[in-house]
């Protein structure tokens, strides 16, 4: 299930207030901040925008997330 584009347009990283990328793959949906390499999961269609619940991705996962976000559009 994709996030509403209008919602995605207004969501920002709670840490640096920058734009987020949307990634939807076999591992689930998430929003991604490539500047901080921070992943915010989307659970049941609801973005979990808490820094304490986010995950910092390593270099390989970062590259994969950016590639998947670009493929999604």
PDB file of N, CA and C in Angstrom:
ATOM      1  N   UNK A   1       0.849  -1.176   0.000  1.00  0.00           N
ATOM      2  CA  UNK A   1       0.000   0.000   0.000  1.00  0.00           C
ATOM      3  C   UNK A   1       0.895   1.239   0.000  1.00  0.00           C
ATOM      4  N   UNK A   2       0.769   2.071  -0.973  1.00  0.00           N
ATOM      5  CA  UNK A   2       1.584   3.283  -1.085  1.00  0.00           C
ATOM      6  C   UNK A   2       0.990   4.405  -0.230  1.00  0.00           C
ATOM      7  N   UNK A   3       1.869   5.239   0.258  1.00  0.00           N
ATOM      8  CA  UNK A   3       1.414   6.418   1.001  1.00  0.00           C
ATOM      9  C   UNK A   3       0.805   7.428   0.047  1.00  0.00           C
ATOM     10  N   UNK A   4      -0.126   8.178   0.544  1.00  0.00           N
ATOM     11  CA  UNK A   4      -0.752   9.250  -0.226  1.00  0.00           C
ATOM     12  C   UNK A   4       0.331  10.264  -0.606  1.00  0.00           C
ATOM     13  N   UNK A   5       0.447  10.622  -1.887  1.00  0.00           N
ATOM     14  CA  UNK A   5       1.466  11.588  -2.305  1.00  0.00           C
ATOM     15  C   UNK A   5       1.351  12.931  -1.587  1.00  0.00           C
ATOM     16  N   UNK A   6       0.144  13.354  -1.243  1.00  0.00           N
ATOM     17  CA  UNK A   6      -0.031  14.619  -0.521  1.00  0.00           C
ATOM     18  C   UNK A   6       0.572  14.525   0.884  1.00  0.00           C
ATOM     19  N   UNK A   7       0.412  13.370   1.535  1.00  0.00           N
ATOM     20  CA  UNK A   7       1.002  13.164   2.851  1.00  0.00           C
ATOM     21  C   UNK A   7       2.523  13.129   2.750  1.00  0.00           C
ATOM     22  N   UNK A   8       3.024  12.393   1.778  1.00  0.00           N
ATOM     23  CA  UNK A   8       4.469  12.292   1.588  1.00  0.00           C
ATOM     24  C   UNK A   8       5.100  13.664   1.329  1.00  0.00           C
ATOM     25  N   UNK A   9       4.391  14.531   0.641  1.00  0.00           N
ATOM     26  CA  UNK A   9       4.914  15.860   0.317  1.00  0.00           C
ATOM     27  C   UNK A   9       5.100  16.739   1.558  1.00  0.00           C
ATOM     28  N   UNK A  10       4.334  16.488   2.612  1.00  0.00           N
ATOM     29  CA  UNK A  10       4.439  17.340   3.799  1.00  0.00           C
ATOM     30  C   UNK A  10       5.241  16.710   4.938  1.00  0.00           C
ATOM     31  N   UNK A  11       5.503  15.406   4.844  1.00  0.00           N
ATOM     32  CA  UNK A  11       6.286  14.753   5.897  1.00  0.00           C
ATOM     33  C   UNK A  11       7.751  15.164   5.794  1.00  0.00           C
ATOM     34  N   UNK A  12       8.388  15.304   6.943  1.00  0.00           N
ATOM     35  CA  UNK A  12       9.807  15.657   6.993  1.00  0.00           C
ATOM     36  C   UNK A  12      10.459  14.858   8.110  1.00  0.00           C
ATOM     37  N   UNK A  13      11.749  14.684   7.992  1.00  0.00           N
ATOM     38  CA  UNK A  13      12.509  13.993   9.027  1.00  0.00           C
ATOM     39  C   UNK A  13      12.411  14.790  10.329  1.00  0.00           C
ATOM     40  N   UNK A  14      12.051  14.143  11.432  1.00  0.00           N
ATOM     41  CA  UNK A  14      11.955  14.888  12.690  1.00  0.00           C
ATOM     42  C   UNK A  14      13.304  15.352  13.225  1.00  0.00           C
ATOM     43  N   UNK A  15      14.390  14.792  12.710  1.00  0.00           N
ATOM     44  CA  UNK A  15      15.708  15.190  13.197  1.00  0.00           C
ATOM     45  C   UNK A  15      16.268  16.387  12.439  1.00  0.00           C
ATOM     46  N   UNK A  16      16.320  16.311  11.091  1.00  0.00           N
ATOM     47  CA  UNK A  16      16.909  17.430  10.335  1.00  0.00           C
ATOM     48  C   UNK A  16      15.884  18.237   9.545  1.00  0.00           C
ATOM     49  N   UNK A  17      14.628  17.859   9.641  1.00  0.00           N
ATOM     50  CA  UNK A  17      13.500  18.565   8.999  1.00  0.00           C
ATOM     51  C   UNK A  17      13.556  18.538   7.470  1.00  0.00           C
ATOM     52  N   UNK A  18      14.370  17.649   6.911  1.00  0.00           N
ATOM     53  CA  UNK A  18      14.500  17.546   5.464  1.00  0.00           C
ATOM     54  C   UNK A  18      13.517  16.565   4.853  1.00  0.00           C
ATOM     55  N   UNK A  19      13.483  16.562   3.539  1.00  0.00           N
ATOM     56  CA  UNK A  19      12.592  15.685   2.778  1.00  0.00           C
ATOM     57  C   UNK A  19      12.982  14.224   2.948  1.00  0.00           C
ATOM     58  N   UNK A  20      11.995  13.356   2.756  1.00  0.00           N
ATOM     59  CA  UNK A  20      12.184  11.919   2.888  1.00  0.00           C
ATOM     60  C   UNK A  20      11.870  11.214   1.576  1.00  0.00           C
ATOM     61  N   UNK A  21      12.502  10.084   1.366  1.00  0.00           N
ATOM     62  CA  UNK A  21      12.217   9.232   0.218  1.00  0.00           C
ATOM     63  C   UNK A  21      11.273   8.127   0.660  1.00  0.00           C
ATOM     64  N   UNK A  22      10.365   7.714  -0.229  1.00  0.00           N
ATOM     65  CA  UNK A  22       9.460   6.611   0.064  1.00  0.00           C
ATOM     66  C   UNK A  22      10.005   5.343  -0.571  1.00  0.00           C
ATOM     67  N   UNK A  23      10.097   4.275   0.214  1.00  0.00           N
ATOM     68  CA  UNK A  23      10.586   2.992  -0.281  1.00  0.00           C
ATOM     69  C   UNK A  23       9.546   1.934   0.068  1.00  0.00           C
ATOM     70  N   UNK A  24       9.160   1.143  -0.929  1.00  0.00           N
ATOM     71  CA  UNK A  24       8.222   0.046  -0.725  1.00  0.00           C
ATOM     72  C   UNK A  24       8.855  -1.181  -1.351  1.00  0.00           C
ATOM     73  N   UNK A  25       9.216  -2.149  -0.519  1.00  0.00           N
ATOM     74  CA  UNK A  25       9.849  -3.351  -1.044  1.00  0.00           C
ATOM     75  C   UNK A  25       9.368  -4.570  -0.272  1.00  0.00           C
ATOM     76  N   UNK A  26       9.962  -5.711  -0.537  1.00  0.00           N
ATOM     77  CA  UNK A  26       9.565  -6.952   0.121  1.00  0.00           C
ATOM     78  C   UNK A  26       9.740  -6.867   1.636  1.00  0.00           C
ATOM     79  N   UNK A  27      10.665  -6.032   2.086  1.00  0.00           N
ATOM     80  CA  UNK A  27      10.890  -5.863   3.518  1.00  0.00           C
ATOM     81  C   UNK A  27       9.909  -4.921   4.173  1.00  0.00           C
ATOM     82  N   UNK A  28       8.995  -4.353   3.408  1.00  0.00           N
ATOM     83  CA  UNK A  28       7.995  -3.440   3.933  1.00  0.00           C
ATOM     84  C   UNK A  28       8.196  -2.022   3.455  1.00  0.00           C
ATOM     85  N   UNK A  29       7.258  -1.176   3.836  1.00  0.00           N
ATOM     86  CA  UNK A  29       7.309   0.242   3.475  1.00  0.00           C
ATOM     87  C   UNK A  29       8.126   1.003   4.509  1.00  0.00           C
ATOM     88  N   UNK A  30       8.847   2.007   4.034  1.00  0.00           N
ATOM     89  CA  UNK A  30       9.510   2.907   4.971  1.00  0.00           C
ATOM     90  C   UNK A  30       9.820   4.227   4.297  1.00  0.00           C
ATOM     91  N   UNK A  31      10.042   5.233   5.122  1.00  0.00           N
ATOM     92  CA  UNK A  31      10.502   6.534   4.662  1.00  0.00           C
ATOM     93  C   UNK A  31      11.981   6.597   4.990  1.00  0.00           C
ATOM     94  N   UNK A  32      12.738   7.240   4.115  1.00  0.00           N
ATOM     95  CA  UNK A  32      14.191   7.215   4.283  1.00  0.00           C
ATOM     96  C   UNK A  32      14.783   8.602   4.133  1.00  0.00           C
ATOM     97  N   UNK A  33      15.657   8.944   5.073  1.00  0.00           N
ATOM     98  CA  UNK A  33      16.417  10.183   5.031  1.00  0.00           C
ATOM     99  C   UNK A  33      17.832   9.819   4.599  1.00  0.00           C
ATOM    100  N   UNK A  34      18.192  10.061   3.329  1.00  0.00           N
ATOM    101  CA  UNK A  34      19.519   9.672   2.860  1.00  0.00           C
ATOM    102  C   UNK A  34      20.648  10.520   3.449  1.00  0.00           C
ATOM    103  N   UNK A  35      20.337  11.699   3.941  1.00  0.00           N
ATOM    104  CA  UNK A  35      21.377  12.550   4.517  1.00  0.00           C
ATOM    105  C   UNK A  35      21.887  11.980   5.840  1.00  0.00           C
ATOM    106  N   UNK A  36      20.980  11.449   6.640  1.00  0.00           N
ATOM    107  CA  UNK A  36      21.337  10.881   7.939  1.00  0.00           C
ATOM    108  C   UNK A  36      21.346   9.354   7.920  1.00  0.00           C
ATOM    109  N   UNK A  37      20.983   8.780   6.773  1.00  0.00           N
ATOM    110  CA  UNK A  37      20.858   7.319   6.610  1.00  0.00           C
ATOM    111  C   UNK A  37      19.869   6.726   7.610  1.00  0.00           C
ATOM    112  N   UNK A  38      18.803   7.460   7.868  1.00  0.00           N
ATOM    113  CA  UNK A  38      17.821   7.064   8.873  1.00  0.00           C
ATOM    114  C   UNK A  38      16.544   6.552   8.201  1.00  0.00           C
ATOM    115  N   UNK A  39      16.106   5.364   8.644  1.00  0.00           N
ATOM    116  CA  UNK A  39      14.909   4.701   8.119  1.00  0.00           C
ATOM    117  C   UNK A  39      13.781   4.819   9.145  1.00  0.00           C
ATOM    118  N   UNK A  40      12.607   5.257   8.661  1.00  0.00           N
ATOM    119  CA  UNK A  40      11.406   5.341   9.476  1.00  0.00           C
ATOM    120  C   UNK A  40      10.386   4.357   8.901  1.00  0.00           C
ATOM    121  N   UNK A  41      10.047   3.330   9.662  1.00  0.00           N
ATOM    122  CA  UNK A  41       9.118   2.316   9.175  1.00  0.00           C
ATOM    123  C   UNK A  41       7.714   2.879   9.031  1.00  0.00           C
ATOM    124  N   UNK A  42       6.954   2.257   8.132  1.00  0.00           N
ATOM    125  CA  UNK A  42       5.533   2.547   7.961  1.00  0.00           C
ATOM    126  C   UNK A  42       4.808   1.285   8.414  1.00  0.00           C
ATOM    127  N   UNK A  43       4.007   1.407   9.454  1.00  0.00           N
ATOM    128  CA  UNK A  43       3.291   0.256  10.013  1.00  0.00           C
ATOM    129  C   UNK A  43       1.797   0.437   9.808  1.00  0.00           C
ATOM    130  N   UNK A  44       1.212  -0.526   9.124  1.00  0.00           N
ATOM    131  CA  UNK A  44      -0.234  -0.478   8.830  1.00  0.00           C
ATOM    132  C   UNK A  44      -0.623   0.842   8.171  1.00  0.00           C
ATOM    133  N   UNK A  45       0.252   1.334   7.280  1.00  0.00           N
ATOM    134  CA  UNK A  45      -0.021   2.556   6.543  1.00  0.00           C
ATOM    135  C   UNK A  45       0.270   3.838   7.297  1.00  0.00           C
ATOM    136  N   UNK A  46       0.825   3.721   8.517  1.00  0.00           N
ATOM    137  CA  UNK A  46       1.097   4.898   9.346  1.00  0.00           C
ATOM    138  C   UNK A  46       2.606   5.053   9.529  1.00  0.00           C
ATOM    139  N   UNK A  47       3.179   6.168   9.080  1.00  0.00           N
ATOM    140  CA  UNK A  47       4.612   6.393   9.282  1.00  0.00           C
ATOM    141  C   UNK A  47       4.935   6.587  10.763  1.00  0.00           C
ATOM    142  N   UNK A  48       5.948   5.879  11.239  1.00  0.00           N
ATOM    143  CA  UNK A  48       6.400   6.008  12.623  1.00  0.00           C
ATOM    144  C   UNK A  48       7.561   6.999  12.609  1.00  0.00           C
ATOM    145  N   UNK A  49       7.244   8.256  12.889  1.00  0.00           N
ATOM    146  CA  UNK A  49       8.203   9.348  12.745  1.00  0.00           C
ATOM    147  C   UNK A  49       8.864   9.706  14.078  1.00  0.00           C
ATOM    148  N   UNK A  50       9.386   8.701  14.758  1.00  0.00           N
ATOM    149  CA  UNK A  50      10.074   8.895  16.024  1.00  0.00           C
ATOM    150  C   UNK A  50      11.542   8.536  15.836  1.00  0.00           C
ATOM    151  N   UNK A  51      12.434   9.458  16.158  1.00  0.00           N
ATOM    152  CA  UNK A  51      13.865   9.215  15.988  1.00  0.00           C
ATOM    153  C   UNK A  51      14.284   7.981  16.778  1.00  0.00           C
ATOM    154  N   UNK A  52      13.764   7.810  17.973  1.00  0.00           N
ATOM    155  CA  UNK A  52      14.115   6.676  18.811  1.00  0.00           C
ATOM    156  C   UNK A  52      13.682   5.334  18.250  1.00  0.00           C
ATOM    157  N   UNK A  53      12.721   5.333  17.328  1.00  0.00           N
ATOM    158  CA  UNK A  53      12.240   4.092  16.709  1.00  0.00           C
ATOM    159  C   UNK A  53      12.820   3.896  15.314  1.00  0.00           C
ATOM    160  N   UNK A  54      13.618   4.839  14.864  1.00  0.00           N
ATOM    161  CA  UNK A  54      14.195   4.738  13.526  1.00  0.00           C
ATOM    162  C   UNK A  54      15.431   3.846  13.551  1.00  0.00           C
ATOM    163  N   UNK A  55      15.894   3.501  12.353  1.00  0.00           N
ATOM    164  CA  UNK A  55      17.077   2.665  12.194  1.00  0.00           C
ATOM    165  C   UNK A  55      18.073   3.391  11.309  1.00  0.00           C
ATOM    166  N   UNK A  56      19.347   3.357  11.680  1.00  0.00           N
ATOM    167  CA  UNK A  56      20.397   3.932  10.847  1.00  0.00           C
ATOM    168  C   UNK A  56      20.944   2.807   9.966  1.00  0.00           C
ATOM    169  N   UNK A  57      20.947   3.041   8.650  1.00  0.00           N
ATOM    170  CA  UNK A  57      21.375   2.022   7.696  1.00  0.00           C
ATOM    171  C   UNK A  57      22.867   2.106   7.412  1.00  0.00           C
ATOM    172  N   UNK A  58      23.461   0.948   7.152  1.00  0.00           N
ATOM    173  CA  UNK A  58      24.870   0.919   6.756  1.00  0.00           C
ATOM    174  C   UNK A  58      24.977   1.319   5.277  1.00  0.00           C
ATOM    175  N   UNK A  59      26.188   1.386   4.760  1.00  0.00           N
ATOM    176  CA  UNK A  59      26.414   1.877   3.397  1.00  0.00           C
ATOM    177  C   UNK A  59      25.699   1.040   2.344  1.00  0.00           C
ATOM    178  N   UNK A  60      25.734  -0.278   2.468  1.00  0.00           N
ATOM    179  CA  UNK A  60      25.085  -1.143   1.472  1.00  0.00           C
ATOM    180  C   UNK A  60      23.571  -0.976   1.509  1.00  0.00           C
ATOM    181  N   UNK A  61      22.990  -0.935   2.710  1.00  0.00           N
ATOM    182  CA  UNK A  61      21.540  -0.749   2.835  1.00  0.00           C
ATOM    183  C   UNK A  61      21.128   0.641   2.359  1.00  0.00           C
ATOM    184  N   UNK A  62      21.986   1.637   2.601  1.00  0.00           N
ATOM    185  CA  UNK A  62      21.728   3.002   2.117  1.00  0.00           C
ATOM    186  C   UNK A  62      21.631   3.005   0.587  1.00  0.00           C
ATOM    187  N   UNK A  63      22.617   2.401  -0.072  1.00  0.00           N
ATOM    188  CA  UNK A  63      22.620   2.357  -1.538  1.00  0.00           C
ATOM    189  C   UNK A  63      21.376   1.657  -2.059  1.00  0.00           C
ATOM    190  N   UNK A  64      20.989   0.560  -1.411  1.00  0.00           N
ATOM    191  CA  UNK A  64      19.802  -0.197  -1.824  1.00  0.00           C
ATOM    192  C   UNK A  64      18.538   0.642  -1.635  1.00  0.00           C
ATOM    193  N   UNK A  65      18.422   1.339  -0.516  1.00  0.00           N
ATOM    194  CA  UNK A  65      17.241   2.160  -0.254  1.00  0.00           C
ATOM    195  C   UNK A  65      17.120   3.296  -1.278  1.00  0.00           C
ATOM    196  N   UNK A  66      18.216   3.943  -1.584  1.00  0.00           N
ATOM    197  CA  UNK A  66      18.198   5.038  -2.574  1.00  0.00           C
ATOM    198  C   UNK A  66      17.810   4.487  -3.951  1.00  0.00           C
ATOM    199  N   UNK A  67      18.354   3.336  -4.306  1.00  0.00           N
ATOM    200  CA  UNK A  67      18.028   2.725  -5.602  1.00  0.00           C
ATOM    201  C   UNK A  67      16.548   2.356  -5.671  1.00  0.00           C
ATOM    202  N   UNK A  68      16.024   1.761  -4.596  1.00  0.00           N
ATOM    203  CA  UNK A  68      14.601   1.369  -4.581  1.00  0.00           C
ATOM    204  C   UNK A  68      13.677   2.583  -4.602  1.00  0.00           C
ATOM    205  N   UNK A  69      14.068   3.646  -3.918  1.00  0.00           N
ATOM    206  CA  UNK A  69      13.250   4.865  -3.921  1.00  0.00           C
ATOM    207  C   UNK A  69      13.222   5.479  -5.325  1.00  0.00           C
ATOM    208  N   UNK A  70      14.357   5.469  -6.005  1.00  0.00           N
ATOM    209  CA  UNK A  70      14.402   6.012  -7.358  1.00  0.00           C
ATOM    210  C   UNK A  70      13.557   5.173  -8.307  1.00  0.00           C
ATOM    211  N   UNK A  71      13.538   3.868  -8.113  1.00  0.00           N
ATOM    212  CA  UNK A  71      12.737   2.984  -8.963  1.00  0.00           C
ATOM    213  C   UNK A  71      11.246   3.204  -8.728  1.00  0.00           C
ATOM    214  N   UNK A  72      10.896   3.586  -7.516  1.00  0.00           N
ATOM    215  CA  UNK A  72       9.488   3.819  -7.179  1.00  0.00           C
ATOM    216  C   UNK A  72       8.990   5.126  -7.792  1.00  0.00           C
ATOM    217  N   UNK A  73       9.903   6.070  -7.947  1.00  0.00           N
ATOM    218  CA  UNK A  73       9.513   7.336  -8.561  1.00  0.00           C
ATOM    219  C   UNK A  73       9.462   8.394  -7.548  1.00  0.00           C
TER     220      UNK A  73
END
